[in-house]
Structures are given as C-alpha cells and as structure tokens.
Amino acid sequence: MVQIKTYIELLISELITHDDPGARKDVRKLRNINLTESEWELIKDLLQVLSPFEEATTYLGGSFYATHSLLYRLIKKLKKIFMPLSREKPKYEENKVINDVFEIKDVLRN
C-alpha cells in the first residue's frame, strides 16, 4: 500500500479534473475509502517494526534446514531490538531500531 500511495493520490487528482459525473462519483468513493494521513503513518511504523520478523521468517522458511545457532542468534537479536530497557518504562529509539534491523540483515547473510 505504501508503495502505491502516490499513484492513488495521482488517480484522485486526475479524476478531479474530468467533467464526467461518473469520474466525480469515483473521486468521492476513493476519498471515502482512502486512508487518512495518520493511518498511512501507522502503516509505515508497523512496516518498520514488523520487517525484522518478516525477514527472519522468510529466511528461515526458505532454508532447507535451520541450525540451532542461527535460530538462536536471530531470536537474541529480535529480543535486543524489542525488549524494553527497563520493565517500568519501555524506551524504543527509532534510530536504534533501524540500526538493529540492519544488524539482523547481517545475521541473515552470514
């Protein structure tokens, strides 16, 4: 969805310029079902959080066998990214998550 967001917005802006009543009706429908800006931001945040799990799952699912050492390293890295630093106050730093995602990619490549 995030990849086609620009095309959705282009379609809406293109349909607005048409004189056809059907096109105007389509614009209203598209605007009603289109995501709000906060929903787009939520999807981007979810992609950032879920991408390490997707990459690990894809890698392990594509292997003919998963060694215990590889699985252990992936789980350890995922825990490091997502476990709060203290039990009372979770402290997630956006840049730290991004850096840790790249470290997971390195684990998957090795």
PDB file of N, CA and C in Angstrom:
ATOM      1  N   MET A   1       0.823  -1.197   0.000  1.00  0.00           N
ATOM      2  CA  MET A   1       0.000   0.000   0.000  1.00  0.00           C
ATOM      3  C   MET A   1       0.864   1.256   0.000  1.00  0.00           C
ATOM      4  N   VAL A   2       1.896   1.257   0.817  1.00  0.00           N
ATOM      5  CA  VAL A   2       2.748   2.442   0.908  1.00  0.00           C
ATOM      6  C   VAL A   2       3.408   2.717  -0.448  1.00  0.00           C
ATOM      7  N   GLN A   3       3.759   1.653  -1.159  1.00  0.00           N
ATOM      8  CA  GLN A   3       4.412   1.816  -2.453  1.00  0.00           C
ATOM      9  C   GLN A   3       3.482   2.426  -3.501  1.00  0.00           C
ATOM     10  N   ILE A   4       2.181   2.209  -3.381  1.00  0.00           N
ATOM     11  CA  ILE A   4       1.254   2.747  -4.390  1.00  0.00           C
ATOM     12  C   ILE A   4       0.499   3.989  -3.918  1.00  0.00           C
ATOM     13  N   LYS A   5       0.833   4.497  -2.749  1.00  0.00           N
ATOM     14  CA  LYS A   5       0.147   5.680  -2.212  1.00  0.00           C
ATOM     15  C   LYS A   5       0.193   6.840  -3.197  1.00  0.00           C
ATOM     16  N   THR A   6       1.349   7.094  -3.777  1.00  0.00           N
ATOM     17  CA  THR A   6       1.499   8.202  -4.733  1.00  0.00           C
ATOM     18  C   THR A   6       0.572   8.017  -5.925  1.00  0.00           C
ATOM     19  N   TYR A   7       0.448   6.785  -6.397  1.00  0.00           N
ATOM     20  CA  TYR A   7      -0.414   6.519  -7.555  1.00  0.00           C
ATOM     21  C   TYR A   7      -1.896   6.712  -7.213  1.00  0.00           C
ATOM     22  N   ILE A   8      -2.251   6.363  -5.998  1.00  0.00           N
ATOM     23  CA  ILE A   8      -3.635   6.588  -5.557  1.00  0.00           C
ATOM     24  C   ILE A   8      -3.932   8.081  -5.551  1.00  0.00           C
ATOM     25  N   GLU A   9      -3.005   8.862  -4.991  1.00  0.00           N
ATOM     26  CA  GLU A   9      -3.196  10.318  -4.951  1.00  0.00           C
ATOM     27  C   GLU A   9      -3.217  10.913  -6.357  1.00  0.00           C
ATOM     28  N   LEU A  10      -2.377  10.405  -7.249  1.00  0.00           N
ATOM     29  CA  LEU A  10      -2.386  10.871  -8.639  1.00  0.00           C
ATOM     30  C   LEU A  10      -3.715  10.553  -9.327  1.00  0.00           C
ATOM     31  N   LEU A  11      -4.233   9.372  -9.078  1.00  0.00           N
ATOM     32  CA  LEU A  11      -5.520   8.987  -9.662  1.00  0.00           C
ATOM     33  C   LEU A  11      -6.625   9.915  -9.189  1.00  0.00           C
ATOM     34  N   ILE A  12      -6.655  10.201  -7.898  1.00  0.00           N
ATOM     35  CA  ILE A  12      -7.672  11.112  -7.366  1.00  0.00           C
ATOM     36  C   ILE A  12      -7.540  12.486  -7.996  1.00  0.00           C
ATOM     37  N   SER A  13      -6.317  13.010  -8.077  1.00  0.00           N
ATOM     38  CA  SER A  13      -6.142  14.349  -8.658  1.00  0.00           C
ATOM     39  C   SER A  13      -6.460  14.361 -10.149  1.00  0.00           C
ATOM     40  N   GLU A  14      -6.213  13.266 -10.842  1.00  0.00           N
ATOM     41  CA  GLU A  14      -6.544  13.178 -12.274  1.00  0.00           C
ATOM     42  C   GLU A  14      -8.062  13.113 -12.479  1.00  0.00           C
ATOM     43  N   LEU A  15      -8.740  12.339 -11.654  1.00  0.00           N
ATOM     44  CA  LEU A  15     -10.198  12.210 -11.798  1.00  0.00           C
ATOM     45  C   LEU A  15     -10.924  13.509 -11.468  1.00  0.00           C
ATOM     46  N   ILE A  16     -10.341  14.321 -10.579  1.00  0.00           N
ATOM     47  CA  ILE A  16     -10.971  15.595 -10.205  1.00  0.00           C
ATOM     48  C   ILE A  16     -11.109  16.508 -11.424  1.00  0.00           C
ATOM     49  N   THR A  17     -10.148  16.433 -12.324  1.00  0.00           N
ATOM     50  CA  THR A  17     -10.147  17.337 -13.488  1.00  0.00           C
ATOM     51  C   THR A  17     -11.152  16.940 -14.561  1.00  0.00           C
ATOM     52  N   HIS A  18     -11.697  15.745 -14.505  1.00  0.00           N
ATOM     53  CA  HIS A  18     -12.663  15.294 -15.518  1.00  0.00           C
ATOM     54  C   HIS A  18     -14.034  15.918 -15.299  1.00  0.00           C
ATOM     55  N   ASP A  19     -14.715  16.185 -16.400  1.00  0.00           N
ATOM     56  CA  ASP A  19     -16.067  16.737 -16.332  1.00  0.00           C
ATOM     57  C   ASP A  19     -17.126  15.653 -16.200  1.00  0.00           C
ATOM     58  N   ASP A  20     -16.735  14.444 -16.387  1.00  0.00           N
ATOM     59  CA  ASP A  20     -17.659  13.311 -16.339  1.00  0.00           C
ATOM     60  C   ASP A  20     -18.213  13.134 -14.928  1.00  0.00           C
ATOM     61  N   PRO A  21     -19.556  13.068 -14.785  1.00  0.00           N
ATOM     62  CA  PRO A  21     -20.143  12.862 -13.445  1.00  0.00           C
ATOM     63  C   PRO A  21     -19.706  11.539 -12.808  1.00  0.00           C
ATOM     64  N   GLY A  22     -19.474  10.529 -13.637  1.00  0.00           N
ATOM     65  CA  GLY A  22     -19.014   9.242 -13.109  1.00  0.00           C
ATOM     66  C   GLY A  22     -17.645   9.360 -12.462  1.00  0.00           C
ATOM     67  N   ALA A  23     -16.782  10.190 -13.065  1.00  0.00           N
ATOM     68  CA  ALA A  23     -15.443  10.397 -12.509  1.00  0.00           C
ATOM     69  C   ALA A  23     -15.531  11.096 -11.160  1.00  0.00           C
ATOM     70  N   ARG A  24     -16.409  12.079 -11.059  1.00  0.00           N
ATOM     71  CA  ARG A  24     -16.587  12.774  -9.774  1.00  0.00           C
ATOM     72  C   ARG A  24     -17.103  11.822  -8.700  1.00  0.00           C
ATOM     73  N   LYS A  25     -17.998  10.938  -9.115  1.00  0.00           N
ATOM     74  CA  LYS A  25     -18.526   9.943  -8.180  1.00  0.00           C
ATOM     75  C   LYS A  25     -17.398   9.008  -7.710  1.00  0.00           C
ATOM     76  N   ASP A  26     -16.537   8.644  -8.647  1.00  0.00           N
ATOM     77  CA  ASP A  26     -15.396   7.798  -8.291  1.00  0.00           C
ATOM     78  C   ASP A  26     -14.446   8.500  -7.333  1.00  0.00           C
ATOM     79  N   VAL A  27     -14.254   9.812  -7.525  1.00  0.00           N
ATOM     80  CA  VAL A  27     -13.398  10.586  -6.625  1.00  0.00           C
ATOM     81  C   VAL A  27     -13.951  10.552  -5.212  1.00  0.00           C
ATOM     82  N   ARG A  28     -15.250  10.740  -5.082  1.00  0.00           N
ATOM     83  CA  ARG A  28     -15.868  10.696  -3.751  1.00  0.00           C
ATOM     84  C   ARG A  28     -15.682   9.319  -3.110  1.00  0.00           C
ATOM     85  N   LYS A  29     -15.863   8.265  -3.893  1.00  0.00           N
ATOM     86  CA  LYS A  29     -15.678   6.909  -3.365  1.00  0.00           C
ATOM     87  C   LYS A  29     -14.235   6.690  -2.928  1.00  0.00           C
ATOM     88  N   LEU A  30     -13.293   7.110  -3.778  1.00  0.00           N
ATOM     89  CA  LEU A  30     -11.874   6.941  -3.443  1.00  0.00           C
ATOM     90  C   LEU A  30     -11.497   7.714  -2.188  1.00  0.00           C
ATOM     91  N   ARG A  31     -11.982   8.905  -2.065  1.00  0.00           N
ATOM     92  CA  ARG A  31     -11.674   9.698  -0.866  1.00  0.00           C
ATOM     93  C   ARG A  31     -12.260   9.062   0.386  1.00  0.00           C
ATOM     94  N   ASN A  32     -13.431   8.450   0.247  1.00  0.00           N
ATOM     95  CA  ASN A  32     -14.058   7.804   1.408  1.00  0.00           C
ATOM     96  C   ASN A  32     -13.294   6.563   1.868  1.00  0.00           C
ATOM     97  N   ILE A  33     -12.730   5.814   0.919  1.00  0.00           N
ATOM     98  CA  ILE A  33     -12.046   4.579   1.308  1.00  0.00           C
ATOM     99  C   ILE A  33     -10.539   4.766   1.479  1.00  0.00           C
ATOM    100  N   ASN A  34     -10.019   5.905   1.032  1.00  0.00           N
ATOM    101  CA  ASN A  34      -8.586   6.151   1.155  1.00  0.00           C
ATOM    102  C   ASN A  34      -8.212   6.346   2.628  1.00  0.00           C
ATOM    103  N   LEU A  35      -6.996   5.966   2.955  1.00  0.00           N
ATOM    104  CA  LEU A  35      -6.518   6.095   4.328  1.00  0.00           C
ATOM    105  C   LEU A  35      -6.237   7.553   4.669  1.00  0.00           C
ATOM    106  N   THR A  36      -6.385   7.870   5.940  1.00  0.00           N
ATOM    107  CA  THR A  36      -6.017   9.213   6.403  1.00  0.00           C
ATOM    108  C   THR A  36      -4.497   9.278   6.538  1.00  0.00           C
ATOM    109  N   GLU A  37      -3.970  10.471   6.694  1.00  0.00           N
ATOM    110  CA  GLU A  37      -2.518  10.633   6.816  1.00  0.00           C
ATOM    111  C   GLU A  37      -1.995   9.911   8.060  1.00  0.00           C
ATOM    112  N   SER A  38      -2.754   9.931   9.153  1.00  0.00           N
ATOM    113  CA  SER A  38      -2.312   9.226  10.361  1.00  0.00           C
ATOM    114  C   SER A  38      -2.320   7.708  10.154  1.00  0.00           C
ATOM    115  N   GLU A  39      -3.258   7.205   9.368  1.00  0.00           N
ATOM    116  CA  GLU A  39      -3.275   5.771   9.069  1.00  0.00           C
ATOM    117  C   GLU A  39      -2.080   5.378   8.198  1.00  0.00           C
ATOM    118  N   TRP A  40      -1.721   6.240   7.246  1.00  0.00           N
ATOM    119  CA  TRP A  40      -0.523   5.978   6.436  1.00  0.00           C
ATOM    120  C   TRP A  40       0.709   5.939   7.317  1.00  0.00           C
ATOM    121  N   GLU A  41       0.814   6.858   8.267  1.00  0.00           N
ATOM    122  CA  GLU A  41       1.954   6.896   9.173  1.00  0.00           C
ATOM    123  C   GLU A  41       2.002   5.642  10.046  1.00  0.00           C
ATOM    124  N   LEU A  42       0.839   5.189  10.494  1.00  0.00           N
ATOM    125  CA  LEU A  42       0.773   3.965  11.299  1.00  0.00           C
ATOM    126  C   LEU A  42       1.281   2.771  10.496  1.00  0.00           C
ATOM    127  N   ILE A  43       0.884   2.675   9.244  1.00  0.00           N
ATOM    128  CA  ILE A  43       1.345   1.580   8.394  1.00  0.00           C
ATOM    129  C   ILE A  43       2.859   1.638   8.228  1.00  0.00           C
ATOM    130  N   LYS A  44       3.403   2.838   8.037  1.00  0.00           N
ATOM    131  CA  LYS A  44       4.865   2.972   7.917  1.00  0.00           C
ATOM    132  C   LYS A  44       5.560   2.516   9.193  1.00  0.00           C
ATOM    133  N   ASP A  45       5.000   2.889  10.340  1.00  0.00           N
ATOM    134  CA  ASP A  45       5.577   2.469  11.619  1.00  0.00           C
ATOM    135  C   ASP A  45       5.500   0.952  11.780  1.00  0.00           C
ATOM    136  N   LEU A  46       4.369   0.365  11.402  1.00  0.00           N
ATOM    137  CA  LEU A  46       4.214  -1.085  11.500  1.00  0.00           C
ATOM    138  C   LEU A  46       5.197  -1.808  10.590  1.00  0.00           C
ATOM    139  N   LEU A  47       5.417  -1.260   9.404  1.00  0.00           N
ATOM    140  CA  LEU A  47       6.395  -1.861   8.499  1.00  0.00           C
ATOM    141  C   LEU A  47       7.782  -1.863   9.122  1.00  0.00           C
ATOM    142  N   GLN A  48       8.127  -0.783   9.773  1.00  0.00           N
ATOM    143  CA  GLN A  48       9.436  -0.688  10.407  1.00  0.00           C
ATOM    144  C   GLN A  48       9.569  -1.715  11.536  1.00  0.00           C
ATOM    145  N   VAL A  49       8.513  -1.882  12.318  1.00  0.00           N
ATOM    146  CA  VAL A  49       8.560  -2.802  13.446  1.00  0.00           C
ATOM    147  C   VAL A  49       8.506  -4.256  12.982  1.00  0.00           C
ATOM    148  N   LEU A  50       7.671  -4.544  11.998  1.00  0.00           N
ATOM    149  CA  LEU A  50       7.452  -5.929  11.593  1.00  0.00           C
ATOM    150  C   LEU A  50       8.463  -6.450  10.573  1.00  0.00           C
ATOM    151  N   SER A  51       9.202  -5.564   9.925  1.00  0.00           N
ATOM    152  CA  SER A  51      10.121  -6.025   8.882  1.00  0.00           C
ATOM    153  C   SER A  51      11.203  -6.977   9.394  1.00  0.00           C
ATOM    154  N   PRO A  52      11.764  -6.793  10.602  1.00  0.00           N
ATOM    155  CA  PRO A  52      12.743  -7.787  11.064  1.00  0.00           C
ATOM    156  C   PRO A  52      12.142  -9.189  11.205  1.00  0.00           C
ATOM    157  N   PHE A  53      10.888  -9.265  11.657  1.00  0.00           N
ATOM    158  CA  PHE A  53      10.228 -10.562  11.785  1.00  0.00           C
ATOM    159  C   PHE A  53       9.972 -11.175  10.407  1.00  0.00           C
ATOM    160  N   GLU A  54       9.569 -10.341   9.466  1.00  0.00           N
ATOM    161  CA  GLU A  54       9.306 -10.828   8.105  1.00  0.00           C
ATOM    162  C   GLU A  54      10.583 -11.358   7.482  1.00  0.00           C
ATOM    163  N   GLU A  55      11.671 -10.628   7.636  1.00  0.00           N
ATOM    164  CA  GLU A  55      12.938 -11.061   7.049  1.00  0.00           C
ATOM    165  C   GLU A  55      13.421 -12.366   7.679  1.00  0.00           C
ATOM    166  N   ALA A  56      13.332 -12.459   8.990  1.00  0.00           N
ATOM    167  CA  ALA A  56      13.764 -13.689   9.669  1.00  0.00           C
ATOM    168  C   ALA A  56      12.886 -14.866   9.251  1.00  0.00           C
ATOM    169  N   THR A  57      11.581 -14.653   9.175  1.00  0.00           N
ATOM    170  CA  THR A  57      10.655 -15.718   8.780  1.00  0.00           C
ATOM    171  C   THR A  57      10.909 -16.153   7.348  1.00  0.00           C
ATOM    172  N   THR A  58      11.100 -15.203   6.458  1.00  0.00           N
ATOM    173  CA  THR A  58      11.365 -15.523   5.056  1.00  0.00           C
ATOM    174  C   THR A  58      12.666 -16.298   4.924  1.00  0.00           C
ATOM    175  N   TYR A  59      13.685 -15.844   5.634  1.00  0.00           N
ATOM    176  CA  TYR A  59      14.974 -16.533   5.563  1.00  0.00           C
ATOM    177  C   TYR A  59      14.871 -17.954   6.088  1.00  0.00           C
ATOM    178  N   LEU A  60      14.280 -18.103   7.258  1.00  0.00           N
ATOM    179  CA  LEU A  60      14.180 -19.437   7.854  1.00  0.00           C
ATOM    180  C   LEU A  60      13.234 -20.338   7.058  1.00  0.00           C
ATOM    181  N   GLY A  61      12.181 -19.761   6.490  1.00  0.00           N
ATOM    182  CA  GLY A  61      11.242 -20.545   5.694  1.00  0.00           C
ATOM    183  C   GLY A  61      11.844 -21.006   4.377  1.00  0.00           C
ATOM    184  N   GLY A  62      12.822 -20.264   3.865  1.00  0.00           N
ATOM    185  CA  GLY A  62      13.452 -20.634   2.604  1.00  0.00           C
ATOM    186  C   GLY A  62      14.600 -21.606   2.771  1.00  0.00           C
ATOM    187  N   SER A  63      15.030 -21.838   3.999  1.00  0.00           N
ATOM    188  CA  SER A  63      16.139 -22.758   4.248  1.00  0.00           C
ATOM    189  C   SER A  63      15.631 -24.185   4.230  1.00  0.00           C
ATOM    190  N   PHE A  64      16.509 -25.079   3.799  1.00  0.00           N
ATOM    191  CA  PHE A  64      16.144 -26.490   3.844  1.00  0.00           C
ATOM    192  C   PHE A  64      16.180 -27.009   5.280  1.00  0.00           C
ATOM    193  N   TYR A  65      17.044 -26.410   6.070  1.00  0.00           N
ATOM    194  CA  TYR A  65      17.100 -26.731   7.489  1.00  0.00           C
ATOM    195  C   TYR A  65      17.616 -25.501   8.228  1.00  0.00           C
ATOM    196  N   ALA A  66      17.145 -25.330   9.434  1.00  0.00           N
ATOM    197  CA  ALA A  66      17.598 -24.200  10.251  1.00  0.00           C
ATOM    198  C   ALA A  66      18.486 -24.744  11.362  1.00  0.00           C
ATOM    199  N   THR A  67      19.666 -24.211  11.438  1.00  0.00           N
ATOM    200  CA  THR A  67      20.542 -24.670  12.506  1.00  0.00           C
ATOM    201  C   THR A  67      20.167 -23.945  13.794  1.00  0.00           C
ATOM    202  N   HIS A  68      20.409 -24.606  14.890  1.00  0.00           N
ATOM    203  CA  HIS A  68      20.071 -24.040  16.194  1.00  0.00           C
ATOM    204  C   HIS A  68      20.831 -22.744  16.420  1.00  0.00           C
ATOM    205  N   SER A  69      22.085 -22.696  16.011  1.00  0.00           N
ATOM    206  CA  SER A  69      22.890 -21.493  16.262  1.00  0.00           C
ATOM    207  C   SER A  69      22.338 -20.292  15.501  1.00  0.00           C
ATOM    208  N   LEU A  70      21.866 -20.488  14.284  1.00  0.00           N
ATOM    209  CA  LEU A  70      21.294 -19.381  13.516  1.00  0.00           C
ATOM    210  C   LEU A  70      19.992 -18.921  14.150  1.00  0.00           C
ATOM    211  N   LEU A  71      19.149 -19.857  14.499  1.00  0.00           N
ATOM    212  CA  LEU A  71      17.871 -19.523  15.120  1.00  0.00           C
ATOM    213  C   LEU A  71      18.090 -18.785  16.434  1.00  0.00           C
ATOM    214  N   TYR A  72      19.044 -19.248  17.231  1.00  0.00           N
ATOM    215  CA  TYR A  72      19.335 -18.606  18.500  1.00  0.00           C
ATOM    216  C   TYR A  72      19.802 -17.165  18.291  1.00  0.00           C
ATOM    217  N   ARG A  73      20.698 -16.939  17.303  1.00  0.00           N
ATOM    218  CA  ARG A  73      21.189 -15.583  17.046  1.00  0.00           C
ATOM    219  C   ARG A  73      20.060 -14.662  16.591  1.00  0.00           C
ATOM    220  N   LEU A  74      19.150 -15.164  15.752  1.00  0.00           N
ATOM    221  CA  LEU A  74      18.032 -14.340  15.293  1.00  0.00           C
ATOM    222  C   LEU A  74      17.109 -13.966  16.441  1.00  0.00           C
ATOM    223  N   ILE A  75      16.775 -14.924  17.272  1.00  0.00           N
ATOM    224  CA  ILE A  75      15.901 -14.648  18.418  1.00  0.00           C
ATOM    225  C   ILE A  75      16.570 -13.669  19.377  1.00  0.00           C
ATOM    226  N   LYS A  76      17.846 -13.853  19.621  1.00  0.00           N
ATOM    227  CA  LYS A  76      18.575 -12.954  20.511  1.00  0.00           C
ATOM    228  C   LYS A  76      18.558 -11.526  19.967  1.00  0.00           C
ATOM    229  N   LYS A  77      18.759 -11.366  18.668  1.00  0.00           N
ATOM    230  CA  LYS A  77      18.777 -10.034  18.059  1.00  0.00           C
ATOM    231  C   LYS A  77      17.378  -9.414  18.102  1.00  0.00           C
ATOM    232  N   LEU A  78      16.345 -10.198  17.833  1.00  0.00           N
ATOM    233  CA  LEU A  78      14.974  -9.677  17.907  1.00  0.00           C
ATOM    234  C   LEU A  78      14.643  -9.235  19.332  1.00  0.00           C
ATOM    235  N   LYS A  79      15.054 -10.020  20.313  1.00  0.00           N
ATOM    236  CA  LYS A  79      14.822  -9.629  21.706  1.00  0.00           C
ATOM    237  C   LYS A  79      15.542  -8.329  22.034  1.00  0.00           C
ATOM    238  N   LYS A  80      16.766  -8.195  21.551  1.00  0.00           N
ATOM    239  CA  LYS A  80      17.538  -6.985  21.822  1.00  0.00           C
ATOM    240  C   LYS A  80      16.841  -5.755  21.249  1.00  0.00           C
ATOM    241  N   ILE A  81      16.234  -5.912  20.086  1.00  0.00           N
ATOM    242  CA  ILE A  81      15.553  -4.783  19.454  1.00  0.00           C
ATOM    243  C   ILE A  81      14.285  -4.414  20.217  1.00  0.00           C
ATOM    244  N   PHE A  82      13.505  -5.411  20.599  1.00  0.00           N
ATOM    245  CA  PHE A  82      12.152  -5.126  21.065  1.00  0.00           C
ATOM    246  C   PHE A  82      11.921  -5.229  22.559  1.00  0.00           C
ATOM    247  N   MET A  83      12.852  -5.762  23.320  1.00  0.00           N
ATOM    248  CA  MET A  83      12.659  -5.819  24.767  1.00  0.00           C
ATOM    249  C   MET A  83      12.924  -4.439  25.347  1.00  0.00           C
ATOM    250  N   PRO A  84      12.067  -3.968  26.235  1.00  0.00           N
ATOM    251  CA  PRO A  84      12.327  -2.661  26.858  1.00  0.00           C
ATOM    252  C   PRO A  84      13.591  -2.707  27.711  1.00  0.00           C
ATOM    253  N   LEU A  85      14.222  -1.542  27.817  1.00  0.00           N
ATOM    254  CA  LEU A  85      15.442  -1.461  28.614  1.00  0.00           C
ATOM    255  C   LEU A  85      15.163  -1.626  30.100  1.00  0.00           C
ATOM    256  N   SER A  86      13.991  -1.210  30.538  1.00  0.00           N
ATOM    257  CA  SER A  86      13.584  -1.440  31.917  1.00  0.00           C
ATOM    258  C   SER A  86      12.130  -1.872  31.897  1.00  0.00           C
ATOM    259  N   ARG A  87      11.726  -2.569  32.913  1.00  0.00           N
ATOM    260  CA  ARG A  87      10.349  -3.090  32.958  1.00  0.00           C
ATOM    261  C   ARG A  87       9.316  -1.976  33.123  1.00  0.00           C
ATOM    262  N   GLU A  88       9.700  -0.863  33.767  1.00  0.00           N
ATOM    263  CA  GLU A  88       8.726   0.202  34.028  1.00  0.00           C
ATOM    264  C   GLU A  88       8.457   1.058  32.793  1.00  0.00           C
ATOM    265  N   LYS A  89       9.518   1.459  32.107  1.00  0.00           N
ATOM    266  CA  LYS A  89       9.360   2.405  31.005  1.00  0.00           C
ATOM    267  C   LYS A  89      10.043   1.873  29.757  1.00  0.00           C
ATOM    268  N   PRO A  90       9.260   1.410  28.774  1.00  0.00           N
ATOM    269  CA  PRO A  90       9.897   0.990  27.522  1.00  0.00           C
ATOM    270  C   PRO A  90      10.554   2.191  26.847  1.00  0.00           C
ATOM    271  N   LYS A  91      11.772   1.992  26.359  1.00  0.00           N
ATOM    272  CA  LYS A  91      12.494   3.083  25.697  1.00  0.00           C
ATOM    273  C   LYS A  91      12.924   2.599  24.322  1.00  0.00           C
ATOM    274  N   TYR A  92      12.098   2.860  23.344  1.00  0.00           N
ATOM    275  CA  TYR A  92      12.440   2.498  21.987  1.00  0.00           C
ATOM    276  C   TYR A  92      12.918   3.747  21.269  1.00  0.00           C
ATOM    277  N   GLU A  93      14.077   3.668  20.704  1.00  0.00           N
ATOM    278  CA  GLU A  93      14.610   4.789  19.948  1.00  0.00           C
ATOM    279  C   GLU A  93      14.560   4.413  18.479  1.00  0.00           C
ATOM    280  N   GLU A  94      13.968   5.287  17.664  1.00  0.00           N
ATOM    281  CA  GLU A  94      13.774   4.978  16.254  1.00  0.00           C
ATOM    282  C   GLU A  94      15.087   4.614  15.563  1.00  0.00           C
ATOM    283  N   ASN A  95      16.146   5.397  15.774  1.00  0.00           N
ATOM    284  CA  ASN A  95      17.411   5.118  15.105  1.00  0.00           C
ATOM    285  C   ASN A  95      18.016   3.806  15.574  1.00  0.00           C
ATOM    286  N   LYS A  96      17.823   3.467  16.858  1.00  0.00           N
ATOM    287  CA  LYS A  96      18.347   2.205  17.371  1.00  0.00           C
ATOM    288  C   LYS A  96      17.652   1.036  16.694  1.00  0.00           C
ATOM    289  N   VAL A  97      16.335   1.134  16.527  1.00  0.00           N
ATOM    290  CA  VAL A  97      15.592   0.063  15.860  1.00  0.00           C
ATOM    291  C   VAL A  97      16.091  -0.095  14.435  1.00  0.00           C
ATOM    292  N   ILE A  98      16.290   1.005  13.722  1.00  0.00           N
ATOM    293  CA  ILE A  98      16.762   0.939  12.340  1.00  0.00           C
ATOM    294  C   ILE A  98      18.142   0.288  12.288  1.00  0.00           C
ATOM    295  N   ASN A  99      19.051   0.690  13.166  1.00  0.00           N
ATOM    296  CA  ASN A  99      20.390   0.089  13.192  1.00  0.00           C
ATOM    297  C   ASN A  99      20.322  -1.395  13.511  1.00  0.00           C
ATOM    298  N   ASP A 100      19.459  -1.789  14.455  1.00  0.00           N
ATOM    299  CA  ASP A 100      19.331  -3.188  14.813  1.00  0.00           C
ATOM    300  C   ASP A 100      18.734  -4.007  13.666  1.00  0.00           C
ATOM    301  N   VAL A 101      17.859  -3.398  12.885  1.00  0.00           N
ATOM    302  CA  VAL A 101      17.300  -4.088  11.715  1.00  0.00           C
ATOM    303  C   VAL A 101      18.427  -4.421  10.743  1.00  0.00           C
ATOM    304  N   PHE A 102      19.349  -3.489  10.538  1.00  0.00           N
ATOM    305  CA  PHE A 102      20.470  -3.755   9.651  1.00  0.00           C
ATOM    306  C   PHE A 102      21.361  -4.856  10.222  1.00  0.00           C
ATOM    307  N   GLU A 103      21.488  -4.919  11.548  1.00  0.00           N
ATOM    308  CA  GLU A 103      22.270  -5.985  12.155  1.00  0.00           C
ATOM    309  C   GLU A 103      21.612  -7.333  11.932  1.00  0.00           C
ATOM    310  N   ILE A 104      20.281  -7.391  11.956  1.00  0.00           N
ATOM    311  CA  ILE A 104      19.571  -8.644  11.668  1.00  0.00           C
ATOM    312  C   ILE A 104      19.835  -9.061  10.231  1.00  0.00           C
ATOM    313  N   LYS A 105      19.845  -8.093   9.316  1.00  0.00           N
ATOM    314  CA  LYS A 105      20.142  -8.418   7.931  1.00  0.00           C
ATOM    315  C   LYS A 105      21.530  -9.024   7.813  1.00  0.00           C
ATOM    316  N   ASP A 106      22.487  -8.520   8.599  1.00  0.00           N
ATOM    317  CA  ASP A 106      23.838  -9.073   8.589  1.00  0.00           C
ATOM    318  C   ASP A 106      23.834 -10.506   9.109  1.00  0.00           C
ATOM    319  N   VAL A 107      23.060 -10.781  10.155  1.00  0.00           N
ATOM    320  CA  VAL A 107      22.963 -12.139  10.692  1.00  0.00           C
ATOM    321  C   VAL A 107      22.387 -13.065   9.637  1.00  0.00           C
ATOM    322  N   LEU A 108      21.376 -12.592   8.908  1.00  0.00           N
ATOM    323  CA  LEU A 108      20.740 -13.429   7.893  1.00  0.00           C
ATOM    324  C   LEU A 108      21.700 -13.735   6.746  1.00  0.00           C
ATOM    325  N   ARG A 109      22.568 -12.776   6.411  1.00  0.00           N
ATOM    326  CA  ARG A 109      23.510 -13.005   5.321  1.00  0.00           C
ATOM    327  C   ARG A 109      24.615 -13.966   5.691  1.00  0.00           C
ATOM    328  N   ASN A 110      24.960 -14.052   6.987  1.00  0.00           N
ATOM    329  CA  ASN A 110      26.100 -14.898   7.409  1.00  0.00           C
ATOM    330  C   ASN A 110      25.670 -16.304   7.691  1.00  0.00           C
TER     331      ASN A 110
END
